[in-house]
Structures are given as structure tokens and as C-alpha cells.
């Protein structure tokens, strides 16, 4: 059931066709919504839409589906798995009241954890639209989400990193060199994750074996992942490959995920296959998802929704499968969806807030493409803000430049900066390994050893013509 919304400001009355249009018009400005034709036509209309949205009861989102229940398995997932008991403490609130409550001292980390299953993605998206950046940061910081596989991710005061040793030809020597470089900066506790240049089962298995050998040889308390399609990973598992995490890019509508070549049943099959391997040592969160504002629009599967609401709906998919890691690749899709540094920063904070509120271990690929109106200073700003907000993990890439995917993100030393500036630490198991390996000389001050650790030095000496 849908109905229109009206708001009177002075002598003028503004009308909004339905909840989807109200949500879109209330969204802070971004290029993707302009491209989709759903953006507010003026700052005044946007402000009015935000005031109107603030008066909408949260219960409305349970009765007025933005994407039809009958036509979309993500909508069915959201509605069917909603927990009324968890929703009860906030069920009387409007969107505006919900914002005020989230910012209050009543919304402690324990209370926020207790209501997670009662908050739908649309509720999270709606409240984010009427929040300032500092609001998004403050509330996200109170949302503690811990996951585990070979180490523990998301503990308060911790910032993990994905070591991303991509190579344009999947050269094993180049990948190994990047892994070594990253480890020496204290990177890699979230995952050592490779985007393969050649995406097939045989190549994925080759890269999995490479990372598995490194992790086993040096007894690194971390996990590996080849970011290949979920169906390829299932085949890798069937072939006996050392699969730690199953990866898939996900979207917030069934049509988006169909364009990606999977559905919820595919993810369930992959999760069970990975769990059957029992490779985790301290936990069994085996899934890794990536998201990004604009994916539904690029697949022409956005159903007239704004891109941030579609993005939040993807978090229902992620939440279903209890992942170890989720991250938004916030500026990766390009300026058609997030035009400049300001839009990228806002989207990164929105995505992190919504995901954490819904109970996800959210990280962020703090990134941009070279044709966006953004630069590394914008990424420094977003990295710092996310560090304050309690972001679970960020990326670590040599020199901030992914030479395979051709985009700019955060470097190994950027993560070291964030840890030093904000007093954050790696995951506890990984931190102890850094100390034991004599990579970290002073863990409290994040000071690295000058000398190459002896185990790595021995390995380099063993190479043809090698010397440490």
C-alpha cells in the first residue's frame, strides 16, 4: 500500500508522489540521482523533503515496500526476517525521533545491538538522510560489530586492513612482493585479497594456493580471498582449493544481483560449502561482500529509488549470510554516480553508518577514479573521518595506486597514519604476530623495525641471486 506525502511551508505546499520519491528528494545531492532523474530540483525542495521524511513513522517502512514484495527477493528477505520484538523499543518513533534517539545517551552500544534485527535497511537509509556528517560518525562509533575467522575483526579501538596485492598480469612474483611490502607496514589483518586479472577457476586456484602457502609458512593469523565470482569459488571448493573466504559483489535489488549472475540461493550454497571446510581457527564467518552506490542504477534495476537507499538494501543481503567482511567501494564506480570529493565523503559516511546500524562488519575502500573531481586529500579526509567513526577496515595498496584496476585508494602507509593519528591498533591476534615477527618494534606507538625480519630475510636469500 502506498500513499502520497505533503508538507506545507509558509504559503506553499509541496507534494511527493510516494515514499520512494520522498526518500529520493530528501537525499543529499549526488550525481547518480541526477542521472536517474530522482534528485530534488532545488535545495529548498530537498530541505522540505527532509522535514517531511522526519515526520514519517518507522512503522510505515513495514507497510509500504519501496520495491514490490512479489517482484523482489530482497524485499521478501527484509520483510520476512524482520524481528518485531527487536523493533518494539523504537516502533513508536518517527524518522526524526529515531535520529534524536540514536544520538541520545539512551542508545548505548548494548541497546543498539539489541535493536539491529528490528531495523530495516530503508529505516536506516531514511534516518541517514536527515543526519549531518558528525551524526553519522557519532552513532556509527557506538555500533560495535565483531566477526572472526583466523583473527577478530571490529573490536573497539582497532582498525584492520585488507592487503590488496593486485597485479595487471597476475604475476606471482609481483604479487608476492606486494604481500611482503604490505606485511612490513602492518597491513593484512582483515584479509589478503586479490582481484584476479584473469578471472577463471584455474587462475583463482593458483592464487589461492600462493596466498595459502604464505599464510601457512609464516603462521600469519589472517585469511585469504580471491575476489572471483561466487560460482567460481564454489568450483574451487569442489576442486579441493584452500578457500578461506567466499567473495561476491552484491546489490540491493533482485534485478541488480541477477545482472551480477547470482541469487540468494547461490550465496547460501557457497556459504555452506565454505563452512564445510572448517578452515577458521577463532570463528566461522566465511563470507566477504563488496557494495557500492550506483550499482543498481548501472544495472537499470533501481526501481526509481535513489542510489543510497538501494545501497542500504544490499546490506540485508549481507546480513543474511553473517560475513567476516563487508566494504563499500565508495568512489570506484565513477563520477557519474559520485561526482566529487564532497559526494564521495558523504556517501562513505552514509554507507558505514547504515551498515553498522544494521549489524555489519563494515569497511570502506576509500577510493576514486582519475576522472572524478577528487584527489588524495579528499581520501585523507574520508579515511580520518571513518577512523573516528570506528570503521572496521580499509584497503592497503602499494602507493595508493591499483595498477590492475586503475583507480586510487589508500596505501599501506595510509593505514599506518590512521593508526598513529587516532590511536588505533590492528586485530589483537595479528598485532601479536607483528610483534613476534619483529615487524612492529613499539606496538603502542606503531613504530616499525628497521631491519627485515629474519624469516623473510631467509626466504629472500633462498631465491636465485637473492640477498637480504
Protein backbone atom coordinates (compact mmCIF):
# COMPACT_ATOMS: atom_id res chain seq x y z
CA UNK A 1 0.00 0.00 0.00
CA UNK A 2 1.34 3.42 -0.94
CA UNK A 3 0.14 6.97 -0.39
CA UNK A 4 1.36 10.44 -1.19
CA UNK A 5 3.09 12.83 1.19
CA UNK A 6 2.56 16.56 1.59
CA UNK A 7 4.34 19.25 3.56
CA UNK A 8 3.32 22.89 3.95
CA UNK A 9 5.99 25.52 4.36
CA UNK A 10 4.59 29.01 4.75
CA UNK A 11 2.07 29.50 1.95
CA UNK A 12 3.48 26.72 -0.23
CA UNK A 13 2.54 23.05 -0.15
CA UNK A 14 4.99 20.50 -1.51
CA UNK A 15 3.76 17.12 -2.71
CA UNK A 16 5.63 13.81 -3.04
CA UNK A 17 4.09 11.01 -5.04
CA UNK A 18 5.07 8.17 -2.69
CA UNK A 19 7.61 7.13 -0.09
CA UNK A 20 10.22 6.34 -2.74
CA UNK A 21 10.03 9.86 -4.18
CA UNK A 22 10.12 11.40 -0.71
CA UNK A 23 13.25 9.40 0.15
CA UNK A 24 14.93 10.36 -3.12
CA UNK A 25 14.14 14.07 -2.80
CA UNK A 26 15.43 14.07 0.79
CA UNK A 27 18.79 12.58 -0.19
CA UNK A 28 21.83 14.88 -0.10
CA UNK A 29 22.83 15.86 -3.61
CA UNK A 30 24.78 13.41 -5.77
CA UNK A 31 25.32 12.91 -9.48
CA UNK A 32 23.84 9.40 -9.67
CA UNK A 33 20.43 10.57 -8.50
CA UNK A 34 20.59 13.41 -11.02
CA UNK A 35 21.37 10.85 -13.72
CA UNK A 36 18.40 8.75 -12.59
CA UNK A 37 16.09 11.78 -12.60
CA UNK A 38 15.06 11.36 -8.97
CA UNK A 39 17.03 14.22 -7.36
CA UNK A 40 15.39 17.21 -5.64
CA UNK A 41 15.08 20.10 -8.08
CA UNK A 42 16.35 22.64 -5.56
CA UNK A 43 17.92 22.93 -2.15
CA UNK A 44 14.56 24.15 -0.90
CA UNK A 45 12.74 21.05 -2.14
CA UNK A 46 15.42 18.87 -0.56
CA UNK A 47 15.06 20.59 2.82
CA UNK A 48 11.28 20.28 2.69
CA UNK A 49 11.54 16.62 1.79
CA UNK A 50 13.84 16.05 4.74
CA UNK A 51 11.36 17.77 7.08
CA UNK A 52 8.53 15.66 5.66
CA UNK A 53 10.58 12.48 5.95
CA UNK A 54 11.34 13.28 9.59
CA UNK A 55 7.61 13.03 10.33
CA UNK A 56 7.18 9.57 8.77
CA UNK A 57 6.61 6.82 11.39
CA UNK A 58 9.13 3.99 11.27
CA UNK A 59 6.21 1.55 11.04
CA UNK A 60 5.49 2.94 7.59
CA UNK A 61 8.52 1.10 6.19
CA UNK A 62 6.99 -2.22 7.19
CA UNK A 63 3.76 -1.46 5.35
CA UNK A 64 4.92 0.43 2.26
CA UNK A 65 7.51 -1.56 0.31
CA UNK A 66 9.73 0.56 -1.93
CA UNK A 67 10.21 -2.42 -4.25
CA UNK A 68 7.18 -4.74 -4.57
CA UNK A 69 7.28 -7.78 -2.28
CA UNK A 70 6.01 -10.09 -5.02
CA UNK A 71 8.65 -8.98 -7.53
CA UNK A 72 11.85 -8.86 -5.48
CA UNK A 73 13.53 -11.46 -3.26
CA UNK A 74 15.45 -8.77 -1.38
CA UNK A 75 12.19 -7.13 -0.30
CA UNK A 76 10.90 -10.54 0.78
CA UNK A 77 14.10 -11.12 2.74
CA UNK A 78 13.77 -7.75 4.50
CA UNK A 79 10.12 -8.23 5.44
CA UNK A 80 10.19 -11.94 6.25
CA UNK A 81 13.23 -11.73 8.53
CA UNK A 82 12.23 -8.57 10.37
CA UNK A 83 12.01 -9.21 14.13
CA UNK A 84 9.08 -7.40 15.81
CA UNK A 85 10.49 -7.94 19.31
CA UNK A 86 13.71 -6.13 18.41
CA UNK A 87 11.70 -3.36 16.74
CA UNK A 88 9.34 -2.87 19.70
CA UNK A 89 11.51 -0.38 21.67
CA UNK A 90 11.62 2.01 18.69
CA UNK A 91 8.32 1.16 17.00
CA UNK A 92 6.59 4.31 18.25
CA UNK A 93 9.20 6.66 16.75
CA UNK A 94 9.17 8.73 13.61
CA UNK A 95 12.27 9.03 11.45
CA UNK A 96 13.10 12.33 13.16
CA UNK A 97 12.54 10.86 16.60
CA UNK A 98 14.75 7.93 15.64
CA UNK A 99 17.59 10.31 14.77
CA UNK A 100 17.27 12.05 18.13
CA UNK A 101 17.13 8.72 19.95
CA UNK A 102 20.22 7.38 18.15
CA UNK A 103 22.17 10.46 19.19
CA UNK A 104 20.97 10.26 22.80
CA UNK A 105 22.74 8.61 25.71
CA UNK A 106 19.94 6.03 25.82
CA UNK A 107 21.29 4.47 22.61
CA UNK A 108 24.27 2.69 24.14
CA UNK A 109 26.28 0.06 22.21
CA UNK A 110 24.36 -2.67 24.03
CA UNK A 111 20.97 -1.16 23.22
CA UNK A 112 21.92 -0.57 19.59
CA UNK A 113 22.93 -4.20 19.29
CA UNK A 114 19.59 -5.31 20.71
CA UNK A 115 17.52 -3.44 18.08
CA UNK A 116 19.53 -4.42 14.99
CA UNK A 117 17.18 -7.10 13.78
CA UNK A 118 14.25 -4.69 14.10
CA UNK A 119 15.78 -2.02 11.87
CA UNK A 120 15.19 -2.42 8.14
CA UNK A 121 17.61 -1.04 5.54
CA UNK A 122 15.02 1.51 4.47
CA UNK A 123 14.71 2.80 8.04
CA UNK A 124 18.49 3.14 8.24
CA UNK A 125 18.63 4.92 4.89
CA UNK A 126 15.81 7.26 5.85
CA UNK A 127 17.33 8.40 9.12
CA UNK A 128 20.75 8.87 7.50
CA UNK A 129 19.21 11.36 5.05
CA UNK A 130 18.38 13.79 7.87
CA UNK A 131 21.69 13.41 9.68
CA UNK A 132 24.77 15.60 9.44
CA UNK A 133 28.16 14.02 8.87
CA UNK A 134 29.01 14.32 12.56
CA UNK A 135 25.77 12.50 13.43
CA UNK A 136 26.70 9.61 11.13
CA UNK A 137 30.13 9.40 12.74
CA UNK A 138 28.92 9.57 16.34
CA UNK A 139 26.24 6.89 16.01
CA UNK A 140 28.39 4.55 13.92
CA UNK A 141 31.08 4.77 16.58
CA UNK A 142 28.59 3.35 19.09
CA UNK A 143 27.77 0.35 16.85
CA UNK A 144 30.20 -2.45 17.72
CA UNK A 145 30.26 -5.39 15.30
CA UNK A 146 32.76 -8.21 15.84
CA UNK A 147 33.48 -11.09 13.46
CA UNK A 148 36.16 -13.77 13.34
CA UNK A 149 37.88 -16.35 11.15
CA UNK A 150 41.62 -16.61 11.95
CA UNK A 151 41.56 -13.36 13.86
CA UNK A 152 39.00 -11.00 15.33
CA UNK A 153 37.75 -8.03 13.31
CA UNK A 154 35.89 -4.96 14.58
CA UNK A 155 36.85 -4.66 18.22
CA UNK A 156 36.71 -1.09 19.59
CA UNK A 157 39.99 0.76 19.15
CA UNK A 158 41.05 -1.46 16.25
CA UNK A 159 41.44 -0.68 12.54
CA UNK A 160 42.14 -3.60 10.22
CA UNK A 161 43.36 -3.55 6.63
CA UNK A 162 42.83 -5.58 3.51
CA UNK A 163 46.19 -6.17 1.86
CA UNK A 164 45.36 -5.85 -1.86
CA UNK A 165 48.35 -7.09 -3.92
CA UNK A 166 46.72 -6.86 -7.36
CA UNK A 167 48.89 -7.24 -10.45
CA UNK A 168 47.96 -6.48 -14.10
CA UNK A 169 49.13 -9.92 -15.27
CA UNK A 170 48.68 -11.90 -12.02
CA UNK A 171 52.46 -12.33 -11.90
CA UNK A 172 53.19 -14.36 -8.78
CA UNK A 173 56.48 -12.59 -8.11
CA UNK A 174 54.83 -9.19 -8.30
CA UNK A 175 52.01 -10.34 -6.04
CA UNK A 176 54.43 -11.86 -3.54
CA UNK A 177 56.46 -8.65 -3.46
CA UNK A 178 53.34 -6.61 -2.73
CA UNK A 179 52.31 -9.02 0.03
CA UNK A 180 55.72 -8.68 1.65
CA UNK A 181 55.62 -4.89 1.33
CA UNK A 182 52.19 -4.75 2.94
CA UNK A 183 53.06 -7.07 5.81
CA UNK A 184 56.11 -4.96 6.63
CA UNK A 185 53.78 -1.97 7.09
CA UNK A 186 51.49 -4.00 9.38
CA UNK A 187 48.80 -4.48 6.73
CA UNK A 188 46.74 -7.59 6.04
CA UNK A 189 44.80 -8.45 9.19
CA UNK A 190 41.36 -8.12 7.57
CA UNK A 191 42.31 -10.27 4.58
CA UNK A 192 44.92 -10.73 1.90
CA UNK A 193 42.58 -10.29 -1.05
CA UNK A 194 43.43 -10.40 -4.76
CA UNK A 195 41.28 -9.18 -7.66
CA UNK A 196 42.45 -11.56 -10.41
CA UNK A 197 43.35 -10.02 -13.77
CA UNK A 198 42.34 -13.30 -15.41
CA UNK A 199 39.08 -14.40 -13.83
CA UNK A 200 38.65 -18.15 -14.15
CA UNK A 201 38.70 -21.17 -11.84
CA UNK A 202 42.21 -22.33 -12.69
CA UNK A 203 43.72 -18.89 -12.07
CA UNK A 204 41.74 -18.47 -8.84
CA UNK A 205 43.08 -21.78 -7.52
CA UNK A 206 46.64 -20.75 -8.41
CA UNK A 207 46.29 -17.50 -6.45
CA UNK A 208 44.57 -19.23 -3.52
CA UNK A 209 47.46 -21.68 -3.24
CA UNK A 210 50.00 -18.85 -3.36
CA UNK A 211 48.34 -16.96 -0.52
CA UNK A 212 47.68 -20.13 1.44
CA UNK A 213 51.36 -21.08 1.30
CA UNK A 214 52.44 -17.64 2.54
CA UNK A 215 49.93 -17.66 5.40
CA UNK A 216 50.90 -21.19 6.44
CA UNK A 217 54.67 -20.74 6.12
CA UNK A 218 54.80 -17.61 8.26
CA UNK A 219 51.89 -18.64 10.51
CA UNK A 220 50.04 -15.40 9.81
CA UNK A 221 46.75 -15.10 11.72
CA UNK A 222 44.78 -13.81 8.76
CA UNK A 223 42.68 -15.10 5.87
CA UNK A 224 42.93 -15.05 2.10
CA UNK A 225 40.40 -14.38 -0.62
CA UNK A 226 40.39 -14.33 -4.40
CA UNK A 227 37.70 -11.89 -5.47
CA UNK A 228 36.30 -14.06 -8.22
CA UNK A 229 32.62 -14.75 -8.94
CA UNK A 230 30.84 -16.78 -6.29
CA UNK A 231 30.15 -19.63 -8.73
CA UNK A 232 33.88 -19.85 -9.48
CA UNK A 233 34.62 -20.11 -5.77
CA UNK A 234 32.14 -22.96 -5.43
CA UNK A 235 34.01 -24.77 -8.20
CA UNK A 236 37.31 -24.04 -6.46
CA UNK A 237 35.98 -25.63 -3.27
CA UNK A 238 34.79 -28.68 -5.21
CA UNK A 239 38.30 -28.95 -6.71
CA UNK A 240 39.87 -29.01 -3.24
CA UNK A 241 41.34 -25.49 -3.29
CA UNK A 242 42.29 -23.80 0.02
CA UNK A 243 39.33 -21.38 0.14
CA UNK A 244 39.14 -19.22 3.24
CA UNK A 245 36.52 -16.60 2.29
CA UNK A 246 33.84 -16.57 -0.41
CA UNK A 247 33.55 -13.23 -2.21
CA UNK A 248 30.73 -11.60 -4.15
CA UNK A 249 29.72 -8.08 -5.14
CA UNK A 250 26.10 -7.58 -4.11
CA UNK A 251 23.29 -5.11 -4.79
CA UNK A 252 20.05 -4.08 -3.16
CA UNK A 253 17.53 -5.39 -5.66
CA UNK A 254 16.95 -8.80 -7.19
CA UNK A 255 17.49 -7.34 -10.65
CA UNK A 256 20.89 -5.97 -9.68
CA UNK A 257 22.04 -9.32 -8.36
CA UNK A 258 20.64 -11.10 -11.42
CA UNK A 259 22.84 -8.84 -13.53
CA UNK A 260 25.76 -9.95 -11.33
CA UNK A 261 24.87 -13.58 -12.04
CA UNK A 262 23.63 -14.90 -8.70
CA UNK A 263 20.72 -15.00 -6.28
CA UNK A 264 20.28 -15.67 -2.57
CA UNK A 265 20.26 -19.42 -3.12
CA UNK A 266 23.68 -19.19 -4.79
CA UNK A 267 25.12 -17.37 -1.79
CA UNK A 268 23.60 -19.93 0.59
CA UNK A 269 25.19 -22.77 -1.36
CA UNK A 270 28.58 -21.04 -1.30
CA UNK A 271 28.38 -20.28 2.41
CA UNK A 272 27.63 -23.90 3.27
CA UNK A 273 30.45 -25.12 1.04
CA UNK A 274 32.95 -22.78 2.72
CA UNK A 275 31.74 -23.70 6.21
CA UNK A 276 32.24 -27.39 5.40
CA UNK A 277 35.99 -26.77 5.00
CA UNK A 278 36.30 -25.66 8.67
CA UNK A 279 39.39 -23.55 7.97
CA UNK A 280 38.69 -20.86 10.56
CA UNK A 281 40.53 -21.10 13.87
CA UNK A 282 38.79 -18.48 16.06
CA UNK A 283 35.48 -18.07 14.19
CA UNK A 284 33.42 -19.21 11.23
CA UNK A 285 32.43 -16.04 9.36
CA UNK A 286 33.32 -17.12 5.82
CA UNK A 287 31.72 -14.53 3.51
CA UNK A 288 33.15 -11.30 2.08
CA UNK A 289 30.90 -8.83 0.26
CA UNK A 290 31.50 -5.59 -1.60
CA UNK A 291 28.87 -2.97 -2.37
CA UNK A 292 28.73 0.48 -3.88
CA UNK A 293 26.26 3.27 -4.50
CA UNK A 294 25.19 3.32 -8.15
CA UNK A 295 25.32 -0.39 -8.91
CA UNK A 296 21.54 -0.76 -9.12
CA UNK A 297 21.22 2.23 -11.46
CA UNK A 298 24.04 0.95 -13.68
CA UNK A 299 22.12 -2.34 -13.96
CA UNK A 300 18.87 -0.45 -14.68
CA UNK A 301 17.40 -2.26 -11.68
CA UNK A 302 16.88 0.60 -9.23
CA UNK A 303 13.06 0.72 -9.43
CA UNK A 304 13.12 4.52 -9.34
CA UNK A 305 14.85 4.59 -5.95
CA UNK A 306 17.74 6.83 -5.01
CA UNK A 307 21.11 5.10 -5.04
CA UNK A 308 21.77 5.35 -1.32
CA UNK A 309 18.52 3.55 -0.47
CA UNK A 310 19.39 0.81 -2.97
CA UNK A 311 22.81 0.56 -1.35
CA UNK A 312 21.31 0.15 2.13
CA UNK A 313 19.07 -2.66 0.85
CA UNK A 314 22.21 -4.56 -0.19
CA UNK A 315 23.07 -4.75 3.49
CA UNK A 316 20.06 -7.02 4.04
CA UNK A 317 21.70 -9.49 1.67
CA UNK A 318 25.00 -9.24 3.53
CA UNK A 319 23.36 -9.53 6.96
CA UNK A 320 21.65 -12.77 5.93
CA UNK A 321 24.99 -14.56 5.50
CA UNK A 322 26.93 -13.38 8.59
CA UNK A 323 30.03 -12.16 6.71
CA UNK A 324 33.51 -11.65 8.09
CA UNK A 325 33.88 -8.50 5.99
CA UNK A 326 31.76 -6.05 4.02
CA UNK A 327 33.00 -2.92 2.33
CA UNK A 328 31.65 -0.21 0.10
CA UNK A 329 33.89 0.67 -2.84
CA UNK A 330 32.65 4.18 -2.40
CA UNK A 331 34.18 6.12 -5.29
CA UNK A 332 35.04 3.24 -7.60
CA UNK A 333 32.04 3.33 -9.94
CA UNK A 334 32.93 6.85 -11.02
CA UNK A 335 31.79 10.48 -11.15
CA UNK A 336 28.56 9.54 -12.94
CA UNK A 337 27.35 8.40 -9.51
CA UNK A 338 29.51 10.36 -7.04
CA UNK A 339 30.89 13.42 -8.80
CA UNK A 340 33.47 14.89 -6.45
CA UNK A 341 35.25 14.59 -3.13
CA UNK A 342 32.34 16.04 -1.18
CA UNK A 343 29.87 13.49 -2.57
CA UNK A 344 32.32 10.61 -2.06
CA UNK A 345 32.96 11.60 1.57
CA UNK A 346 29.26 11.89 2.32
CA UNK A 347 28.48 8.53 0.68
CA UNK A 348 31.28 6.80 2.57
CA UNK A 349 29.97 8.03 5.90
CA UNK A 350 26.37 7.10 4.98
CA UNK A 351 27.32 3.59 3.91
CA UNK A 352 29.39 2.98 7.02
CA UNK A 353 26.66 4.28 9.32
CA UNK A 354 23.83 2.30 7.74
CA UNK A 355 25.79 -0.94 7.65
CA UNK A 356 26.98 -0.66 11.24
CA UNK A 357 23.46 0.20 12.45
CA UNK A 358 22.23 -2.97 10.73
CA UNK A 359 24.96 -5.05 12.38
CA UNK A 360 27.53 -5.47 9.61
CA UNK A 361 31.33 -5.51 9.94
CA UNK A 362 31.66 -2.55 7.59
CA UNK A 363 34.84 -1.36 5.99
CA UNK A 364 35.41 1.09 3.19
CA UNK A 365 37.52 1.20 0.07
CA UNK A 366 38.34 4.91 0.37
CA UNK A 367 38.80 5.49 -3.33
CA UNK A 368 38.18 7.49 -6.50
CA UNK A 369 38.77 7.19 -10.23
CA UNK A 370 41.05 9.56 -12.07
CA UNK A 371 38.19 11.27 -13.94
CA UNK A 372 36.39 12.22 -10.71
CA UNK A 373 36.69 15.71 -9.21
CA UNK A 374 38.59 14.32 -6.22
CA UNK A 375 42.15 13.83 -5.09
CA UNK A 376 44.17 12.12 -2.39
CA UNK A 377 43.48 14.92 0.09
CA UNK A 378 39.77 14.07 -0.12
CA UNK A 379 40.66 10.46 0.59
CA UNK A 380 42.78 11.54 3.57
CA UNK A 381 39.74 13.36 4.94
CA UNK A 382 37.42 10.40 4.48
CA UNK A 383 39.96 7.95 5.92
CA UNK A 384 40.34 10.10 9.01
CA UNK A 385 36.59 10.55 9.46
CA UNK A 386 35.98 6.81 9.08
CA UNK A 387 38.72 6.07 11.58
CA UNK A 388 36.95 8.29 14.09
CA UNK A 389 33.65 6.56 13.24
CA UNK A 390 35.05 3.13 14.08
CA UNK A 391 35.36 1.73 10.56
CA UNK A 392 36.25 -1.97 10.65
CA UNK A 393 38.85 -1.95 7.89
CA UNK A 394 40.27 -0.08 4.90
CA UNK A 395 42.39 -1.08 1.91
CA UNK A 396 46.17 -1.21 1.70
CA UNK A 397 47.76 -0.99 -1.76
CA UNK A 398 51.31 -0.11 -2.84
CA UNK A 399 51.50 3.65 -3.31
CA UNK A 400 47.70 4.08 -3.22
CA UNK A 401 47.58 3.13 -6.92
CA UNK A 402 45.92 -0.09 -8.03
CA UNK A 403 47.73 -0.73 -11.29
CA UNK A 404 45.39 -3.58 -12.26
CA UNK A 405 42.00 -1.94 -11.56
CA UNK A 406 43.26 1.57 -12.44
CA UNK A 407 41.90 3.54 -9.52
CA UNK A 408 43.26 5.38 -6.50
CA UNK A 409 42.73 4.15 -2.97
CA UNK A 410 44.58 4.02 0.36
CA UNK A 411 48.15 2.84 0.68
CA UNK A 412 49.99 0.72 3.22
CA UNK A 413 51.36 3.84 4.88
CA UNK A 414 47.91 5.49 4.95
CA UNK A 415 46.74 2.78 7.32
CA UNK A 416 49.82 3.33 9.46
CA UNK A 417 48.99 7.06 9.53
CA UNK A 418 45.43 6.38 10.67
CA UNK A 419 46.55 4.04 13.43
CA UNK A 420 49.14 6.52 14.68
CA UNK A 421 46.95 9.63 14.45
CA UNK A 422 43.87 8.05 16.01
CA UNK A 423 45.45 5.59 18.42
CA UNK A 424 44.04 2.54 16.62
CA UNK A 425 45.58 -0.93 16.53
CA UNK A 426 45.45 -3.99 14.28
CA UNK A 427 43.39 -7.00 15.28
CA UNK A 428 44.78 -8.48 18.52
CA UNK A 429 45.97 -11.78 17.04
CA UNK A 430 47.65 -10.03 14.12
CA UNK A 431 49.25 -7.43 16.38
CA UNK A 432 50.86 -10.17 18.44
CA UNK A 433 52.17 -11.74 15.24
CA UNK A 434 53.67 -8.40 14.15
CA UNK A 435 55.48 -8.18 17.48
CA UNK A 436 56.62 -11.81 17.39
CA UNK A 437 57.92 -11.42 13.82
CA UNK A 438 59.75 -8.23 14.85
CA UNK A 439 57.87 -6.20 12.27
CA UNK A 440 56.49 -3.93 14.98
CA UNK A 441 59.12 -2.55 17.36
CA UNK A 442 56.75 -0.47 19.53
CA UNK A 443 53.12 -1.53 19.24
CA UNK A 444 51.83 1.30 21.42
CA UNK A 445 53.34 3.94 19.14
CA UNK A 446 53.09 1.91 15.90
CA UNK A 447 56.84 2.09 15.28
CA UNK A 448 58.21 -0.44 12.81
CA UNK A 449 61.53 -2.26 12.96
CA UNK A 450 64.20 -1.01 10.57
CA UNK A 451 65.62 -4.46 9.83
CA UNK A 452 63.95 -7.08 7.65
CA UNK A 453 62.52 -9.84 9.86
CA UNK A 454 64.73 -12.91 9.86
CA UNK A 455 62.12 -15.34 8.44
CA UNK A 456 61.57 -13.06 5.45
CA UNK A 457 65.32 -12.48 5.08
CA UNK A 458 65.95 -16.23 4.91
CA UNK A 459 63.30 -16.63 2.22
CA UNK A 460 64.79 -13.85 0.10
CA UNK A 461 68.29 -15.29 0.43
CA UNK A 462 66.98 -18.62 -0.86
CA UNK A 463 65.88 -17.03 -4.15
CA UNK A 464 68.21 -17.29 -7.16
CA UNK A 465 70.72 -14.46 -6.70
CA UNK A 466 68.84 -13.42 -3.60
CA UNK A 467 70.20 -11.33 -0.80
CA UNK A 468 68.53 -9.81 2.23
